Amino acid sequence: MALARSGDGLHPPGGGATDVGAGAQRAHSPPRAADRPAPPVAEQPQAPWGRRAAEAHATLLTEFANTGKEGWPGLFRLRAPARVTDRLRWTYWWQAHALDALVDAHERVPSDATLRRIRALVRGVQAANGGRIANDYYDDMAWMALALLRADAHGAETIGLVRSLWRELRGGWSEANGGGIAWRRSQPRYKNVPANGPAAILAARLYARDGRPEDLRWARRIVAWMHDTLVDGETGEVWDGIDRRGDGAIDRRWQFTYNYGVVLGADLALHDATGEAGLVERARRTAHAGLDRLAVDGVPPDEGPGDGALFKGVFGRYLAELDDDRAREALRRSGEAAWAARDGAGRFGPSWTRAPDGPVELSSHLSGVMLAERLAAAERG
């Protein structure tokens, strides 16, 4: 998500009908931690996270799931309450994370009903996408493939779609700017962390599943390119992309939680697949750099509406995979803050320290749901 798109139902900070990817909302980096007040964190006893995750998931279904009468069957609406103009707007990569949320719920409490929803969402994506699973954005396809891979492990029979998307992703690699997968087909020289991070995670997980050496080579190749090109090797700072304007420049000012999440996630996935020494420590450095640069007392910032509202959910998902006391405390504080900041309908807004006022987008609620599910998973052990 690095430049504005049009026509797929995303919303810029001003609330218009075009998308932001990271583009319009990344014109300026978020304020540094020292510039923002620390959020309050509830200290009173709370329900177990398994119960809270179930409640957050129920809100996802009641507030955002299509009934079949007002949009694409199986998919989720972009906002609640929905507008008439939202009926056929669906946003591919948000649906990928909705699929991940369904898999999270199924892992928490296996259910035939949830598995049916998973299969219906996959059918809905293909129907809304003209019968295809691929689209024009490599980052979107990587997220969909990751969610489909998880769904396949629970009987959704989606591995054929995963392999199809993985072929598309490999086709996005070129040696321009030293390598890397492009952000989208029409900008083959523009390479960024949002496309390469999830693609590397996918490659490592496919190797762990199937043992194909080619997939491991790809995982190592993509991870090496990201660290060589878009990560500060001393500080762990993650830069967004390179050559966005065709001038070879690196977008160093674009600092977002999403990028830290997928870089640390890629190192952890490669470690899980190979056991290679040093990858966990490098992931820890990346996680701590993201928390130092962007969080206040462990709680990530409001990164805007639209795509930006999903960024910290991505960060939380991969932060939860790291065996690290500071990461665990950040997740705990984020969870309590976000839970206290829901609106009266139980919906999470783009801020985890202030309740939303008005309609809530699917992207922001999904971030809160993902956070609750990761905390519930940690409770299960």
Protein backbone atom coordinates (compact mmCIF):
# COMPACT_ATOMS: atom_id res chain seq x y z
CA MET A 1 0.00 0.00 0.00
CA ALA A 2 2.24 2.80 -1.08
CA LEU A 3 0.51 5.08 -3.57
CA ALA A 4 -3.02 6.26 -4.09
CA ARG A 5 -5.28 4.00 -6.15
CA SER A 6 -8.69 4.71 -7.50
CA GLY A 7 -11.85 2.70 -7.79
CA ASP A 8 -11.38 0.02 -5.13
CA GLY A 9 -13.15 1.73 -2.31
CA LEU A 10 -10.40 3.06 -0.07
CA HIS A 11 -10.60 6.41 1.64
CA PRO A 12 -8.02 9.17 2.06
CA PRO A 13 -7.62 11.08 5.32
CA GLY A 14 -10.09 13.68 4.14
CA GLY A 15 -12.82 11.07 3.77
CA GLY A 16 -13.15 11.10 -0.02
CA ALA A 17 -13.91 8.14 -2.25
CA THR A 18 -10.45 7.44 -3.56
CA ASP A 19 -7.87 5.27 -1.91
CA VAL A 20 -4.83 6.10 0.07
CA GLY A 21 -2.65 3.07 0.01
CA ALA A 22 0.13 4.53 1.95
CA GLY A 23 0.31 7.40 -0.51
CA ALA A 24 -1.67 10.45 0.48
CA GLN A 25 -1.49 9.60 4.16
CA ARG A 26 2.25 8.97 4.04
CA ALA A 27 3.16 12.46 2.90
CA HIS A 28 4.42 13.10 6.43
CA SER A 29 5.67 10.64 9.00
CA PRO A 30 3.61 10.23 12.17
CA PRO A 31 4.81 12.28 15.13
CA ARG A 32 7.58 10.68 17.11
CA ALA A 33 6.77 9.13 20.46
CA ALA A 34 8.19 12.09 22.37
CA ASP A 35 5.75 14.44 20.63
CA ARG A 36 2.58 12.61 21.64
CA PRO A 37 0.99 12.19 25.07
CA ALA A 38 1.04 8.73 26.56
CA PRO A 39 -2.33 6.94 26.30
CA PRO A 40 -4.18 5.80 29.38
CA VAL A 41 -4.26 2.04 29.93
CA ALA A 42 -7.05 0.43 31.91
CA GLU A 43 -5.82 -1.29 35.06
CA GLN A 44 -9.07 -2.79 36.36
CA PRO A 45 -9.61 -6.55 35.96
CA GLN A 46 -10.85 -7.51 32.52
CA ALA A 47 -12.41 -10.57 30.91
CA PRO A 48 -10.03 -13.16 29.45
CA TRP A 49 -8.87 -12.34 25.95
CA GLY A 50 -10.55 -15.43 24.54
CA ARG A 51 -13.91 -14.02 25.56
CA ARG A 52 -13.02 -10.55 24.31
CA ALA A 53 -11.78 -11.91 20.96
CA ALA A 54 -15.09 -13.75 20.55
CA GLU A 55 -16.96 -10.52 21.23
CA ALA A 56 -14.83 -8.54 18.78
CA HIS A 57 -15.34 -11.22 16.13
CA ALA A 58 -19.10 -11.24 16.72
CA THR A 59 -19.09 -7.47 16.15
CA LEU A 60 -17.19 -8.01 12.89
CA LEU A 61 -19.95 -10.35 11.71
CA THR A 62 -22.94 -8.31 12.89
CA GLU A 63 -21.62 -4.92 11.79
CA PHE A 64 -19.69 -5.69 8.61
CA ALA A 65 -20.67 -9.03 7.05
CA ASN A 66 -22.74 -8.84 3.88
CA THR A 67 -26.16 -10.42 4.03
CA GLY A 68 -26.16 -11.21 0.32
CA LYS A 69 -28.79 -8.57 -0.34
CA GLU A 70 -26.55 -5.52 -0.18
CA GLY A 71 -23.21 -6.45 -1.72
CA TRP A 72 -20.98 -9.29 -2.78
CA PRO A 73 -22.04 -12.48 -0.96
CA GLY A 74 -19.40 -13.74 1.43
CA LEU A 75 -17.50 -10.46 1.58
CA PHE A 76 -17.43 -7.78 4.25
CA ARG A 77 -18.80 -4.25 3.90
CA LEU A 78 -16.28 -1.41 3.95
CA ARG A 79 -17.94 0.52 6.75
CA ALA A 80 -20.61 0.39 9.39
CA PRO A 81 -23.17 1.67 9.01
CA ALA A 82 -22.87 1.06 5.28
CA ARG A 83 -23.90 3.59 2.65
CA VAL A 84 -25.88 2.72 -0.44
CA THR A 85 -22.84 3.64 -2.55
CA ASP A 86 -20.76 1.00 -0.72
CA ARG A 87 -22.81 -1.88 -2.11
CA LEU A 88 -20.33 -3.11 -4.72
CA ARG A 89 -17.13 -1.67 -3.26
CA TRP A 90 -15.07 -4.35 -1.63
CA THR A 91 -11.28 -3.70 -1.44
CA TYR A 92 -9.20 -6.80 -2.13
CA TRP A 93 -6.54 -6.52 0.57
CA TRP A 94 -9.03 -5.68 3.33
CA GLN A 95 -10.88 -8.87 2.44
CA ALA A 96 -7.59 -10.77 2.70
CA HIS A 97 -7.25 -9.61 6.30
CA ALA A 98 -10.91 -10.40 6.93
CA LEU A 99 -10.10 -13.93 5.75
CA ASP A 100 -7.20 -14.01 8.21
CA ALA A 101 -9.61 -12.89 10.96
CA LEU A 102 -11.95 -15.76 10.10
CA VAL A 103 -9.05 -18.20 10.31
CA ASP A 104 -8.08 -16.69 13.68
CA ALA A 105 -11.60 -17.33 14.94
CA HIS A 106 -11.57 -20.89 13.63
CA GLU A 107 -8.27 -21.57 15.37
CA ARG A 108 -9.68 -20.21 18.62
CA VAL A 109 -12.92 -22.24 18.41
CA PRO A 110 -13.12 -24.61 15.42
CA SER A 111 -16.52 -24.28 13.81
CA ASP A 112 -18.22 -25.59 10.67
CA ALA A 113 -20.00 -22.23 10.41
CA THR A 114 -16.69 -20.35 10.36
CA LEU A 115 -15.25 -22.74 7.78
CA ARG A 116 -18.32 -22.09 5.60
CA ARG A 117 -17.70 -18.35 5.95
CA ILE A 118 -14.07 -18.84 4.94
CA ARG A 119 -15.09 -20.69 1.79
CA ALA A 120 -17.82 -18.13 1.02
CA LEU A 121 -15.34 -15.27 1.32
CA VAL A 122 -12.93 -16.93 -1.09
CA ARG A 123 -15.76 -17.42 -3.60
CA GLY A 124 -16.85 -13.82 -3.06
CA VAL A 125 -13.37 -12.45 -3.78
CA GLN A 126 -13.19 -14.35 -7.05
CA ALA A 127 -16.69 -13.27 -8.06
CA ALA A 128 -16.03 -9.60 -7.27
CA ASN A 129 -12.66 -9.82 -9.05
CA GLY A 130 -14.09 -10.99 -12.35
CA GLY A 131 -13.55 -14.69 -11.69
CA ARG A 132 -9.81 -14.29 -10.97
CA ILE A 133 -7.81 -14.45 -7.77
CA ALA A 134 -4.94 -12.23 -9.02
CA ASN A 135 -5.03 -8.45 -9.20
CA ASP A 136 -2.65 -5.66 -10.22
CA TYR A 137 -0.96 -5.08 -6.85
CA TYR A 138 1.70 -7.47 -5.64
CA ASP A 139 1.28 -6.56 -1.99
CA ASP A 140 -2.45 -7.33 -2.17
CA MET A 141 -1.78 -10.71 -3.74
CA ALA A 142 0.80 -11.58 -1.08
CA TRP A 143 -1.71 -10.89 1.69
CA MET A 144 -4.38 -12.93 -0.02
CA ALA A 145 -1.96 -15.82 -0.53
CA LEU A 146 -0.93 -15.78 3.13
CA ALA A 147 -4.55 -15.88 4.28
CA LEU A 148 -5.42 -18.61 1.78
CA LEU A 149 -2.45 -20.68 2.95
CA ARG A 150 -3.71 -20.50 6.52
CA ALA A 151 -7.24 -21.33 5.38
CA ASP A 152 -6.01 -24.36 3.47
CA ALA A 153 -4.50 -25.78 6.65
CA HIS A 154 -8.03 -25.92 8.06
CA GLY A 155 -9.66 -27.70 5.16
CA ALA A 156 -10.60 -24.84 2.85
CA GLU A 157 -8.77 -26.51 -0.07
CA THR A 158 -7.22 -23.26 -1.28
CA ILE A 159 -3.63 -24.34 -1.94
CA GLY A 160 -4.13 -24.15 -5.71
CA LEU A 161 -5.03 -20.46 -5.38
CA VAL A 162 -1.99 -19.91 -3.15
CA ARG A 163 0.34 -21.41 -5.75
CA SER A 164 -1.25 -19.34 -8.50
CA LEU A 165 -0.65 -16.15 -6.53
CA TRP A 166 2.90 -17.21 -5.67
CA ARG A 167 3.63 -17.53 -9.41
CA GLU A 168 2.30 -14.00 -9.92
CA LEU A 169 4.50 -12.69 -7.11
CA ARG A 170 7.65 -14.28 -8.47
CA GLY A 171 6.84 -12.66 -11.80
CA GLY A 172 6.97 -9.25 -10.08
CA TRP A 173 10.68 -9.59 -9.30
CA SER A 174 13.23 -7.76 -11.44
CA GLU A 175 16.81 -6.67 -11.01
CA ALA A 176 15.87 -2.99 -11.13
CA ASN A 177 17.16 -1.31 -7.97
CA GLY A 178 19.13 -4.42 -7.09
CA GLY A 179 16.15 -6.75 -7.05
CA GLY A 180 12.85 -6.88 -5.18
CA ILE A 181 9.23 -7.44 -6.12
CA ALA A 182 7.40 -4.43 -7.57
CA TRP A 183 4.49 -2.80 -5.75
CA ARG A 184 2.24 -3.05 -8.81
CA ARG A 185 2.42 -4.21 -12.40
CA SER A 186 2.41 -0.72 -13.92
CA GLN A 187 5.41 0.43 -11.83
CA PRO A 188 7.94 -2.37 -12.25
CA ARG A 189 10.85 -0.30 -10.90
CA TYR A 190 9.10 0.81 -7.73
CA LYS A 191 9.92 -1.70 -4.99
CA ASN A 192 8.78 -1.46 -1.39
CA VAL A 193 8.56 -3.26 1.94
CA PRO A 194 4.73 -3.58 1.74
CA ALA A 195 5.08 -5.92 -1.26
CA ASN A 196 8.29 -7.74 -0.36
CA GLY A 197 7.67 -8.37 3.34
CA PRO A 198 4.52 -10.51 2.99
CA ALA A 199 5.95 -12.20 -0.11
CA ALA A 200 9.00 -13.30 1.90
CA ILE A 201 6.76 -14.62 4.69
CA LEU A 202 4.77 -16.57 2.10
CA ALA A 203 7.91 -18.08 0.53
CA ALA A 204 9.24 -19.19 3.92
CA ARG A 205 5.91 -20.70 4.94
CA LEU A 206 5.57 -22.54 1.65
CA TYR A 207 9.04 -24.00 2.18
CA ALA A 208 8.08 -25.06 5.70
CA ARG A 209 4.94 -26.71 4.29
CA ASP A 210 6.30 -28.39 1.16
CA GLY A 211 10.09 -28.49 1.54
CA ARG A 212 10.71 -27.09 -1.96
CA PRO A 213 14.27 -25.65 -2.10
CA GLU A 214 13.16 -23.08 -4.66
CA ASP A 215 10.78 -21.51 -2.14
CA LEU A 216 13.55 -21.25 0.45
CA ARG A 217 15.84 -19.61 -2.10
CA TRP A 218 13.13 -17.06 -2.82
CA ALA A 219 12.55 -16.36 0.87
CA ARG A 220 16.25 -15.73 1.46
CA ARG A 221 16.55 -13.65 -1.69
CA ILE A 222 13.64 -11.35 -0.81
CA VAL A 223 14.67 -10.96 2.84
CA ALA A 224 18.25 -10.16 1.83
CA TRP A 225 17.08 -7.53 -0.65
CA MET A 226 14.87 -5.81 1.95
CA HIS A 227 17.65 -5.65 4.52
CA ASP A 228 20.24 -4.53 1.99
CA THR A 229 18.02 -1.83 0.49
CA LEU A 230 15.34 -0.64 2.90
CA VAL A 231 16.52 -1.39 6.45
CA ASP A 232 19.16 0.49 8.44
CA GLY A 233 21.51 -2.29 9.53
CA GLU A 234 22.58 -0.47 12.69
CA THR A 235 19.32 0.93 14.05
CA GLY A 236 16.71 -1.41 12.55
CA GLU A 237 14.84 1.55 11.04
CA VAL A 238 12.68 0.42 8.11
CA TRP A 239 12.19 2.64 5.06
CA ASP A 240 9.13 2.23 2.89
CA GLY A 241 10.33 1.93 -0.70
CA ILE A 242 12.69 2.92 -3.49
CA ASP A 243 12.22 4.61 -6.88
CA ARG A 244 8.59 5.61 -6.37
CA ARG A 245 9.07 8.70 -8.53
CA GLY A 246 11.52 7.11 -10.97
CA ASP A 247 14.49 8.93 -9.43
CA GLY A 248 15.99 6.06 -7.42
CA ALA A 249 15.26 7.82 -4.13
CA ILE A 250 14.39 5.92 -0.95
CA ASP A 251 11.29 7.02 0.98
CA ARG A 252 13.03 7.30 4.35
CA ARG A 253 10.44 9.60 5.89
CA TRP A 254 7.60 7.15 5.36
CA GLN A 255 7.60 5.39 8.71
CA PHE A 256 4.68 3.04 9.35
CA THR A 257 4.00 0.21 11.74
CA TYR A 258 3.06 -2.10 8.82
CA ASN A 259 6.62 -2.03 7.50
CA TYR A 260 8.22 -2.91 10.82
CA GLY A 261 5.69 -5.72 11.20
CA VAL A 262 6.39 -7.42 7.90
CA VAL A 263 10.18 -7.12 8.16
CA LEU A 264 10.24 -8.72 11.60
CA GLY A 265 7.65 -11.24 10.39
CA ALA A 266 9.81 -12.19 7.41
CA ASP A 267 12.85 -12.81 9.62
CA LEU A 268 10.77 -14.91 12.02
CA ALA A 269 9.21 -16.93 9.19
CA LEU A 270 12.65 -17.62 7.73
CA HIS A 271 13.90 -18.66 11.16
CA ASP A 272 10.91 -20.97 11.65
CA ALA A 273 11.67 -22.61 8.30
CA THR A 274 15.43 -22.98 8.76
CA GLY A 275 16.45 -22.40 12.37
CA GLU A 276 19.17 -20.05 11.12
CA ALA A 277 20.98 -18.21 13.90
CA GLY A 278 20.68 -14.45 14.16
CA LEU A 279 17.25 -14.04 12.57
CA VAL A 280 15.33 -13.81 15.84
CA GLU A 281 17.71 -11.21 17.23
CA ARG A 282 17.40 -9.19 14.03
CA ALA A 283 13.61 -9.42 14.28
CA ARG A 284 13.84 -8.21 17.88
CA ARG A 285 15.93 -5.22 16.77
CA THR A 286 13.31 -4.36 14.15
CA ALA A 287 10.45 -4.68 16.64
CA HIS A 288 12.17 -2.48 19.20
CA ALA A 289 13.00 0.10 16.52
CA GLY A 290 9.33 0.27 15.51
CA LEU A 291 8.19 0.64 19.11
CA ASP A 292 10.86 3.28 19.82
CA ARG A 293 10.03 5.31 16.74
CA LEU A 294 6.26 5.05 16.53
CA ALA A 295 4.64 3.88 19.77
CA VAL A 296 3.78 5.65 23.01
CA ASP A 297 4.14 3.32 26.00
CA GLY A 298 3.86 0.40 23.60
CA VAL A 299 0.67 1.61 21.90
CA PRO A 300 0.98 2.29 18.14
CA PRO A 301 -0.28 5.61 16.75
CA ASP A 302 -3.38 6.52 14.80
CA GLU A 303 -2.17 6.15 11.19
CA GLY A 304 -5.33 7.50 9.63
CA PRO A 305 -8.41 5.98 8.03
CA GLY A 306 -8.58 3.71 5.02
CA ASP A 307 -5.53 1.51 4.47
CA GLY A 308 -3.63 3.17 7.31
CA ALA A 309 -6.10 1.86 9.86
CA LEU A 310 -4.94 -1.70 9.07
CA PHE A 311 -1.23 -1.01 9.54
CA LYS A 312 -0.99 -1.51 13.29
CA GLY A 313 -3.06 -4.69 13.10
CA VAL A 314 -0.36 -6.06 10.78
CA PHE A 315 2.33 -4.90 13.22
CA GLY A 316 0.54 -6.56 16.13
CA ARG A 317 0.10 -9.86 14.30
CA TYR A 318 3.84 -10.29 13.75
CA LEU A 319 4.92 -8.66 17.01
CA ALA A 320 2.93 -11.42 18.74
CA GLU A 321 5.14 -14.06 17.08
CA LEU A 322 8.27 -12.67 18.77
CA ASP A 323 9.38 -14.20 22.07
CA ASP A 324 10.24 -10.91 23.74
CA ASP A 325 9.11 -9.32 27.01
CA ARG A 326 8.92 -5.83 25.57
CA ALA A 327 6.78 -7.04 22.67
CA ARG A 328 4.43 -8.85 25.04
CA GLU A 329 4.03 -5.77 27.22
CA ALA A 330 3.37 -3.57 24.18
CA LEU A 331 0.67 -5.97 23.00
CA ARG A 332 -0.90 -6.06 26.46
CA ARG A 333 -0.98 -2.27 26.74
CA SER A 334 -2.27 -1.92 23.18
CA GLY A 335 -5.00 -4.46 23.82
CA GLU A 336 -6.25 -2.77 26.99
CA ALA A 337 -6.11 0.68 25.39
CA ALA A 338 -7.91 -0.44 22.22
CA TRP A 339 -10.55 -2.34 24.18
CA ALA A 340 -11.33 0.73 26.26
CA ALA A 341 -11.50 2.90 23.12
CA ARG A 342 -14.24 0.96 21.29
CA ASP A 343 -17.47 2.77 20.45
CA GLY A 344 -20.89 1.89 21.84
CA ALA A 345 -21.38 -0.79 19.18
CA GLY A 346 -18.10 -2.50 20.13
CA ARG A 347 -16.24 -1.29 17.03
CA PHE A 348 -12.54 -0.38 16.96
CA GLY A 349 -11.62 2.91 15.29
CA PRO A 350 -8.30 4.00 13.75
CA SER A 351 -7.07 5.23 17.16
CA TRP A 352 -6.48 2.76 19.98
CA THR A 353 -6.72 5.58 22.53
CA ARG A 354 -9.89 7.42 21.39
CA ALA A 355 -13.31 6.03 20.59
CA PRO A 356 -14.46 6.53 16.99
CA ASP A 357 -17.11 9.17 16.43
CA GLY A 358 -19.35 8.19 13.52
CA PRO A 359 -19.08 5.42 10.93
CA VAL A 360 -16.29 2.89 11.39
CA GLU A 361 -14.32 1.36 8.54
CA LEU A 362 -13.71 -2.36 8.18
CA SER A 363 -9.95 -1.74 8.14
CA SER A 364 -9.84 -0.21 11.62
CA HIS A 365 -12.12 -2.82 13.16
CA LEU A 366 -10.03 -5.60 11.64
CA SER A 367 -6.91 -4.21 13.31
CA GLY A 368 -8.60 -4.42 16.69
CA VAL A 369 -9.93 -7.91 15.99
CA MET A 370 -6.46 -9.13 14.99
CA LEU A 371 -4.98 -7.68 18.17
CA ALA A 372 -7.62 -9.35 20.35
CA GLU A 373 -7.09 -12.69 18.60
CA ARG A 374 -3.31 -12.55 19.09
CA LEU A 375 -3.77 -11.85 22.79
CA ALA A 376 -6.27 -14.69 23.03
CA ALA A 377 -3.79 -17.00 21.30
CA ALA A 378 -1.11 -15.99 23.81
CA GLU A 379 -3.46 -16.88 26.65
CA ARG A 380 -3.99 -20.32 25.13
CA GLY A 381 -0.22 -20.83 25.07
